[in-house]
Every structure is written in C-alpha cells, then in structure tokens.
C-alpha cells in the first residue's frame, strides 16, 4: 500500500512554510515508528532555508492509508514565529491531502500493436479497391485504434499507423499529467485556517 500525501503552506506567510518543514519531520518520525517508509517525491522550497511551500511525500507499507488519514486535513504547528519578534500569533496552518503521485507513462512497443491489412473505400483508383494496402492498428493494452490508408503501399501505411498510435498515447499521457498537476494546485487553495484536525508542538 502506497499513499501520496501533499503538505502545503497554501498562500500563508513564511511561517507556514516553516511549519510544513516541522510537520514533515514529525510525520516522517511517526511513520518510522510505525515501520512505514516515506519518500519525498517533490518539494517546493520556501523563502527561508530549510522551509517548504509544499512537499509531496509517499507513505508506503502496511497501514499507510490509516496513517496518512491521521495526517489529512488542516494541520497546525503551534509555536512562536522564528522570524518575527513581538507577534502574538503562535498557530501556523498547513493543509495535507492525498493526491495523485503522478501520471504514469504508457509504454509503447510494436509487439503490443495488432496490425491488420484491410481495404477502404473512396477515391484512389483500382489499386486501392483490389489490394489490402490500408492498415488498421490497435494498441492492445489501451485499446486505441487508428486506420491509415493515405499511401498505396502497406508498409508505408503501417509506419504511419505506428507513429500515430505513439503520438496518441503520448498526448493522452500529457493530458493525464496536466490533470494531476491541476489537482495538486487546487489543494494549495483549500487551506482552512482554524479548527485543525491535528495540532503539533515542538
């Protein structure tokens, strides 16, 4: 079991980025005590050294989902600001949400493509009507299908079909990747200050 958890300071002040770093260290220590593995997949540094605007941490092991659930929601790091003296504020809020770890790339191998010779109608002369020079190519793992009949030679149509299939899979992967990134950015705006689900102190 593996759970990707995004910790974000949202649009909060620099102390919130400091709180992300402190809470992340506390989370990692807690995971280690539970014999869970953690890995920092991505991070965005804060304005100050050793701070983070956001961190995507992957939690792996038996009980990872339950552990991640205990760290999900609005988190509060309760401590005086290390940057500003005289401020009475001690509560620094961070949001934590499970998110997609990232869209996986679809592997492409010609051995996964089913090539079938076929005939197509339309203009093209007697040769096109009599010979099966058109190509129907299907990528078995995804079910994607293309039909190519632009050339009068089967081998040329086959090459075009393989290229089109590869481009279609790459475009699908890119769209999935963009959707994951957009979902992560929405998390940054979901930070609700107050009523935390978890409070941690030094």
C-alpha atoms as a PDB file:
ATOM      1  CA  UNK A   1       0.000   0.000   0.000  1.00  0.00           C
ATOM      2  CA  UNK A   2       1.321   3.403  -1.010  1.00  0.00           C
ATOM      3  CA  UNK A   3      -0.308   6.789  -0.328  1.00  0.00           C
ATOM      4  CA  UNK A   4       0.952  10.097  -1.792  1.00  0.00           C
ATOM      5  CA  UNK A   5       0.262  12.943   0.658  1.00  0.00           C
ATOM      6  CA  UNK A   6       0.700  16.615  -0.260  1.00  0.00           C
ATOM      7  CA  UNK A   7       1.561  19.076   2.517  1.00  0.00           C
ATOM      8  CA  UNK A   8       1.094  22.700   1.514  1.00  0.00           C
ATOM      9  CA  UNK A   9       1.545  26.098   3.145  1.00  0.00           C
ATOM     10  CA  UNK A  10      -1.059  27.433   0.727  1.00  0.00           C
ATOM     11  CA  UNK A  11      -0.796  31.198   0.400  1.00  0.00           C
ATOM     12  CA  UNK A  12       0.198  31.619   4.028  1.00  0.00           C
ATOM     13  CA  UNK A  13       3.184  33.624   5.353  1.00  0.00           C
ATOM     14  CA  UNK A  14       6.757  32.332   5.568  1.00  0.00           C
ATOM     15  CA  UNK A  15       5.999  30.803   8.969  1.00  0.00           C
ATOM     16  CA  UNK A  16       3.607  28.398   7.271  1.00  0.00           C
ATOM     17  CA  UNK A  17       6.446  27.165   5.057  1.00  0.00           C
ATOM     18  CA  UNK A  18       8.473  26.708   8.243  1.00  0.00           C
ATOM     19  CA  UNK A  19       5.521  24.779   9.716  1.00  0.00           C
ATOM     20  CA  UNK A  20       5.451  22.465   6.668  1.00  0.00           C
ATOM     21  CA  UNK A  21       9.087  21.519   7.323  1.00  0.00           C
ATOM     22  CA  UNK A  22       8.448  20.912  11.047  1.00  0.00           C
ATOM     23  CA  UNK A  23       5.303  18.883  10.418  1.00  0.00           C
ATOM     24  CA  UNK A  24       7.002  16.886   7.686  1.00  0.00           C
ATOM     25  CA  UNK A  25       9.795  15.895  10.076  1.00  0.00           C
ATOM     26  CA  UNK A  26       7.208  14.906  12.690  1.00  0.00           C
ATOM     27  CA  UNK A  27       5.272  12.871  10.112  1.00  0.00           C
ATOM     28  CA  UNK A  28       8.408  11.055   8.934  1.00  0.00           C
ATOM     29  CA  UNK A  29       9.394  10.227  12.514  1.00  0.00           C
ATOM     30  CA  UNK A  30       5.914   8.909  13.224  1.00  0.00           C
ATOM     31  CA  UNK A  31       5.944   6.791  10.074  1.00  0.00           C
ATOM     32  CA  UNK A  32       9.305   5.304  11.042  1.00  0.00           C
ATOM     33  CA  UNK A  33       7.931   4.281  14.437  1.00  0.00           C
ATOM     34  CA  UNK A  34       5.075   2.536  12.600  1.00  0.00           C
ATOM     35  CA  UNK A  35       7.605   0.789  10.350  1.00  0.00           C
ATOM     36  CA  UNK A  36       6.344   2.712   7.314  1.00  0.00           C
ATOM     37  CA  UNK A  37       8.637   4.025   4.593  1.00  0.00           C
ATOM     38  CA  UNK A  38       8.458   7.642   3.425  1.00  0.00           C
ATOM     39  CA  UNK A  39       9.899   9.244   0.321  1.00  0.00           C
ATOM     40  CA  UNK A  40       9.875  12.915  -0.650  1.00  0.00           C
ATOM     41  CA  UNK A  41       8.684  12.763  -4.244  1.00  0.00           C
ATOM     42  CA  UNK A  42       8.584  16.513  -4.965  1.00  0.00           C
ATOM     43  CA  UNK A  43       9.149  19.670  -2.979  1.00  0.00           C
ATOM     44  CA  UNK A  44       8.905  23.417  -3.471  1.00  0.00           C
ATOM     45  CA  UNK A  45      11.309  25.336  -1.202  1.00  0.00           C
ATOM     46  CA  UNK A  46      10.162  28.258   0.889  1.00  0.00           C
ATOM     47  CA  UNK A  47      11.676  31.729   1.151  1.00  0.00           C
ATOM     48  CA  UNK A  48      13.818  30.726   4.138  1.00  0.00           C
ATOM     49  CA  UNK A  49      16.439  27.938   4.201  1.00  0.00           C
ATOM     50  CA  UNK A  50      15.062  24.589   5.323  1.00  0.00           C
ATOM     51  CA  UNK A  51      11.425  25.520   4.699  1.00  0.00           C
ATOM     52  CA  UNK A  52       8.918  24.249   2.124  1.00  0.00           C
ATOM     53  CA  UNK A  53       5.962  25.829   0.380  1.00  0.00           C
ATOM     54  CA  UNK A  54       4.837  22.286  -0.382  1.00  0.00           C
ATOM     55  CA  UNK A  55       6.081  18.704  -0.205  1.00  0.00           C
ATOM     56  CA  UNK A  56       4.673  15.564  -1.804  1.00  0.00           C
ATOM     57  CA  UNK A  57       5.594  12.620   0.410  1.00  0.00           C
ATOM     58  CA  UNK A  58       4.875   8.998  -0.455  1.00  0.00           C
ATOM     59  CA  UNK A  59       3.996   6.762   2.501  1.00  0.00           C
ATOM     60  CA  UNK A  60       4.428   3.040   1.918  1.00  0.00           C
ATOM     61  CA  UNK A  61       3.766  -0.040   3.997  1.00  0.00           C
ATOM     62  CA  UNK A  62       1.043  -1.906   5.833  1.00  0.00           C
ATOM     63  CA  UNK A  63      -1.266   0.623   7.446  1.00  0.00           C
ATOM     64  CA  UNK A  64      -0.088   3.513   5.228  1.00  0.00           C
ATOM     65  CA  UNK A  65      -3.639   4.557   4.374  1.00  0.00           C
ATOM     66  CA  UNK A  66      -4.693   4.743   8.021  1.00  0.00           C
ATOM     67  CA  UNK A  67      -1.537   6.644   8.973  1.00  0.00           C
ATOM     68  CA  UNK A  68      -1.976   9.110   6.093  1.00  0.00           C
ATOM     69  CA  UNK A  69      -5.591   9.596   7.180  1.00  0.00           C
ATOM     70  CA  UNK A  70      -4.420  10.705  10.623  1.00  0.00           C
ATOM     71  CA  UNK A  71      -2.352  13.420   8.898  1.00  0.00           C
ATOM     72  CA  UNK A  72      -5.064  14.537   6.462  1.00  0.00           C
ATOM     73  CA  UNK A  73      -6.857  17.861   6.795  1.00  0.00           C
ATOM     74  CA  UNK A  74      -5.823  21.155   8.350  1.00  0.00           C
ATOM     75  CA  UNK A  75      -2.661  20.744  10.449  1.00  0.00           C
ATOM     76  CA  UNK A  76      -1.437  23.262  12.984  1.00  0.00           C
ATOM     77  CA  UNK A  77       2.148  23.842  14.120  1.00  0.00           C
ATOM     78  CA  UNK A  78       1.868  25.705  17.401  1.00  0.00           C
ATOM     79  CA  UNK A  79       4.986  27.731  18.219  1.00  0.00           C
ATOM     80  CA  UNK A  80       6.185  31.360  18.211  1.00  0.00           C
ATOM     81  CA  UNK A  81       7.479  32.723  14.907  1.00  0.00           C
ATOM     82  CA  UNK A  82      11.230  32.234  14.467  1.00  0.00           C
ATOM     83  CA  UNK A  83      11.327  35.200  12.084  1.00  0.00           C
ATOM     84  CA  UNK A  84       9.253  37.944  13.682  1.00  0.00           C
ATOM     85  CA  UNK A  85       9.565  39.074  17.269  1.00  0.00           C
ATOM     86  CA  UNK A  86       6.696  40.684  19.067  1.00  0.00           C
ATOM     87  CA  UNK A  87       3.950  38.925  17.130  1.00  0.00           C
ATOM     88  CA  UNK A  88       1.465  37.191  19.364  1.00  0.00           C
ATOM     89  CA  UNK A  89       0.493  34.623  16.768  1.00  0.00           C
ATOM     90  CA  UNK A  90       1.547  31.040  17.510  1.00  0.00           C
ATOM     91  CA  UNK A  91      -0.723  28.966  15.256  1.00  0.00           C
ATOM     92  CA  UNK A  92       0.587  28.254  11.749  1.00  0.00           C
ATOM     93  CA  UNK A  93      -1.714  26.266   9.493  1.00  0.00           C
ATOM     94  CA  UNK A  94      -0.867  23.737   6.794  1.00  0.00           C
ATOM     95  CA  UNK A  95      -3.136  21.612   4.613  1.00  0.00           C
ATOM     96  CA  UNK A  96      -2.486  17.927   3.895  1.00  0.00           C
ATOM     97  CA  UNK A  97      -4.361  15.947   1.258  1.00  0.00           C
ATOM     98  CA  UNK A  98      -3.861  12.611  -0.526  1.00  0.00           C
ATOM     99  CA  UNK A  99      -3.277  13.326  -4.227  1.00  0.00           C
ATOM    100  CA  UNK A 100      -2.196  11.562  -7.383  1.00  0.00           C
ATOM    101  CA  UNK A 101       1.514  10.757  -7.299  1.00  0.00           C
ATOM    102  CA  UNK A 102       1.827  11.498 -10.982  1.00  0.00           C
ATOM    103  CA  UNK A 103       0.539  10.106 -14.237  1.00  0.00           C
ATOM    104  CA  UNK A 104       2.434   7.052 -15.371  1.00  0.00           C
ATOM    105  CA  UNK A 105       3.716   6.976 -18.905  1.00  0.00           C
ATOM    106  CA  UNK A 106       2.126   4.369 -21.144  1.00  0.00           C
ATOM    107  CA  UNK A 107       4.859   2.085 -22.511  1.00  0.00           C
ATOM    108  CA  UNK A 108       4.808   1.642 -26.277  1.00  0.00           C
ATOM    109  CA  UNK A 109       6.170  -1.450 -28.001  1.00  0.00           C
ATOM    110  CA  UNK A 110       5.407  -2.612 -31.530  1.00  0.00           C
ATOM    111  CA  UNK A 111       4.810  -6.095 -30.143  1.00  0.00           C
ATOM    112  CA  UNK A 112       1.755  -4.690 -28.336  1.00  0.00           C
ATOM    113  CA  UNK A 113       0.230  -3.469 -31.592  1.00  0.00           C
ATOM    114  CA  UNK A 114      -2.100  -5.653 -33.637  1.00  0.00           C
ATOM    115  CA  UNK A 115      -1.732  -4.835 -37.339  1.00  0.00           C
ATOM    116  CA  UNK A 116      -4.461  -5.875 -39.777  1.00  0.00           C
ATOM    117  CA  UNK A 117      -4.431  -5.253 -43.521  1.00  0.00           C
ATOM    118  CA  UNK A 118      -7.749  -4.010 -44.855  1.00  0.00           C
ATOM    119  CA  UNK A 119      -9.396  -2.331 -47.793  1.00  0.00           C
ATOM    120  CA  UNK A 120     -11.018   1.077 -47.633  1.00  0.00           C
ATOM    121  CA  UNK A 121     -13.475   2.724 -49.963  1.00  0.00           C
ATOM    122  CA  UNK A 122     -13.332   6.149 -51.520  1.00  0.00           C
ATOM    123  CA  UNK A 123     -11.178   7.604 -54.280  1.00  0.00           C
ATOM    124  CA  UNK A 124      -7.816   6.141 -55.063  1.00  0.00           C
ATOM    125  CA  UNK A 125      -8.167   4.148 -58.208  1.00  0.00           C
ATOM    126  CA  UNK A 126      -8.410   0.468 -58.993  1.00  0.00           C
ATOM    127  CA  UNK A 127      -5.298  -0.452 -56.981  1.00  0.00           C
ATOM    128  CA  UNK A 128      -6.824   0.684 -53.686  1.00  0.00           C
ATOM    129  CA  UNK A 129     -10.043  -1.244 -54.319  1.00  0.00           C
ATOM    130  CA  UNK A 130      -8.300  -4.525 -55.199  1.00  0.00           C
ATOM    131  CA  UNK A 131      -5.335  -4.609 -52.771  1.00  0.00           C
ATOM    132  CA  UNK A 132      -5.429  -4.594 -48.983  1.00  0.00           C
ATOM    133  CA  UNK A 133      -2.943  -1.771 -48.536  1.00  0.00           C
ATOM    134  CA  UNK A 134      -4.748   0.061 -45.743  1.00  0.00           C
ATOM    135  CA  UNK A 135      -3.772  -0.635 -42.132  1.00  0.00           C
ATOM    136  CA  UNK A 136      -5.866  -0.986 -39.026  1.00  0.00           C
ATOM    137  CA  UNK A 137      -3.625  -0.834 -35.945  1.00  0.00           C
ATOM    138  CA  UNK A 138      -4.826  -1.491 -32.379  1.00  0.00           C
ATOM    139  CA  UNK A 139      -2.746  -0.955 -29.240  1.00  0.00           C
ATOM    140  CA  UNK A 140      -3.786  -3.959 -27.138  1.00  0.00           C
ATOM    141  CA  UNK A 141      -3.045  -2.555 -23.626  1.00  0.00           C
ATOM    142  CA  UNK A 142      -5.130   0.613 -24.141  1.00  0.00           C
ATOM    143  CA  UNK A 143      -7.499  -0.354 -26.959  1.00  0.00           C
ATOM    144  CA  UNK A 144      -6.516   2.693 -29.041  1.00  0.00           C
ATOM    145  CA  UNK A 145      -7.184   2.164 -32.772  1.00  0.00           C
ATOM    146  CA  UNK A 146      -6.091   4.000 -35.922  1.00  0.00           C
ATOM    147  CA  UNK A 147      -6.826   3.271 -39.577  1.00  0.00           C
ATOM    148  CA  UNK A 148      -4.424   4.568 -42.240  1.00  0.00           C
ATOM    149  CA  UNK A 149      -4.951   4.401 -45.997  1.00  0.00           C
ATOM    150  CA  UNK A 150      -3.131   7.512 -47.181  1.00  0.00           C
ATOM    151  CA  UNK A 151      -0.390   5.603 -49.030  1.00  0.00           C
ATOM    152  CA  UNK A 152      -0.622   2.938 -51.729  1.00  0.00           C
ATOM    153  CA  UNK A 153       1.932   0.694 -50.007  1.00  0.00           C
ATOM    154  CA  UNK A 154       1.077  -1.383 -46.965  1.00  0.00           C
ATOM    155  CA  UNK A 155       4.497  -0.851 -45.354  1.00  0.00           C
ATOM    156  CA  UNK A 156       4.184   2.931 -45.550  1.00  0.00           C
ATOM    157  CA  UNK A 157       0.699   2.889 -44.060  1.00  0.00           C
ATOM    158  CA  UNK A 158       1.956   0.573 -41.303  1.00  0.00           C
ATOM    159  CA  UNK A 159       4.725   3.013 -40.366  1.00  0.00           C
ATOM    160  CA  UNK A 160       2.289   5.920 -40.282  1.00  0.00           C
ATOM    161  CA  UNK A 161      -0.161   3.936 -38.127  1.00  0.00           C
ATOM    162  CA  UNK A 162       2.538   3.114 -35.567  1.00  0.00           C
ATOM    163  CA  UNK A 163       3.609   6.755 -35.405  1.00  0.00           C
ATOM    164  CA  UNK A 164       0.018   7.959 -34.963  1.00  0.00           C
ATOM    165  CA  UNK A 165      -0.597   5.429 -32.194  1.00  0.00           C
ATOM    166  CA  UNK A 166       2.555   6.509 -30.366  1.00  0.00           C
ATOM    167  CA  UNK A 167       1.562  10.191 -30.672  1.00  0.00           C
ATOM    168  CA  UNK A 168      -1.954   9.462 -29.424  1.00  0.00           C
ATOM    169  CA  UNK A 169      -0.626   7.673 -26.326  1.00  0.00           C
ATOM    170  CA  UNK A 170       1.841  10.492 -25.625  1.00  0.00           C
ATOM    171  CA  UNK A 171      -0.958  13.063 -25.904  1.00  0.00           C
ATOM    172  CA  UNK A 172      -3.121  11.020 -23.532  1.00  0.00           C
ATOM    173  CA  UNK A 173      -0.255  10.792 -21.018  1.00  0.00           C
ATOM    174  CA  UNK A 174       0.332  14.544 -21.254  1.00  0.00           C
ATOM    175  CA  UNK A 175      -3.350  15.264 -20.597  1.00  0.00           C
ATOM    176  CA  UNK A 176      -3.375  12.927 -17.599  1.00  0.00           C
ATOM    177  CA  UNK A 177      -0.236  14.604 -16.248  1.00  0.00           C
ATOM    178  CA  UNK A 178      -1.809  18.047 -16.584  1.00  0.00           C
ATOM    179  CA  UNK A 179      -4.892  16.867 -14.710  1.00  0.00           C
ATOM    180  CA  UNK A 180      -2.734  15.636 -11.813  1.00  0.00           C
ATOM    181  CA  UNK A 181      -0.847  18.946 -11.641  1.00  0.00           C
ATOM    182  CA  UNK A 182      -4.108  20.940 -11.661  1.00  0.00           C
ATOM    183  CA  UNK A 183      -5.494  18.779  -8.849  1.00  0.00           C
ATOM    184  CA  UNK A 184      -2.389  19.471  -6.769  1.00  0.00           C
ATOM    185  CA  UNK A 185      -2.662  23.220  -7.333  1.00  0.00           C
ATOM    186  CA  UNK A 186      -6.263  23.150  -6.122  1.00  0.00           C
ATOM    187  CA  UNK A 187      -5.024  21.695  -2.822  1.00  0.00           C
ATOM    188  CA  UNK A 188      -2.931  24.837  -2.233  1.00  0.00           C
ATOM    189  CA  UNK A 189      -6.131  26.915  -2.200  1.00  0.00           C
ATOM    190  CA  UNK A 190      -8.047  24.554   0.103  1.00  0.00           C
ATOM    191  CA  UNK A 191      -6.235  25.595   3.281  1.00  0.00           C
ATOM    192  CA  UNK A 192      -8.754  26.424   6.011  1.00  0.00           C
ATOM    193  CA  UNK A 193      -7.278  28.256   8.979  1.00  0.00           C
ATOM    194  CA  UNK A 194      -8.746  27.242  12.319  1.00  0.00           C
ATOM    195  CA  UNK A 195     -10.373  24.053  13.573  1.00  0.00           C
ATOM    196  CA  UNK A 196      -7.331  21.860  12.787  1.00  0.00           C
ATOM    197  CA  UNK A 197      -7.599  18.100  12.629  1.00  0.00           C
ATOM    198  CA  UNK A 198      -4.130  17.809  14.188  1.00  0.00           C
ATOM    199  CA  UNK A 199      -2.012  20.097  16.392  1.00  0.00           C
ATOM    200  CA  UNK A 200       1.727  19.560  16.843  1.00  0.00           C
ATOM    201  CA  UNK A 201       4.157  21.437  19.067  1.00  0.00           C
ATOM    202  CA  UNK A 202       7.951  21.498  19.405  1.00  0.00           C
END
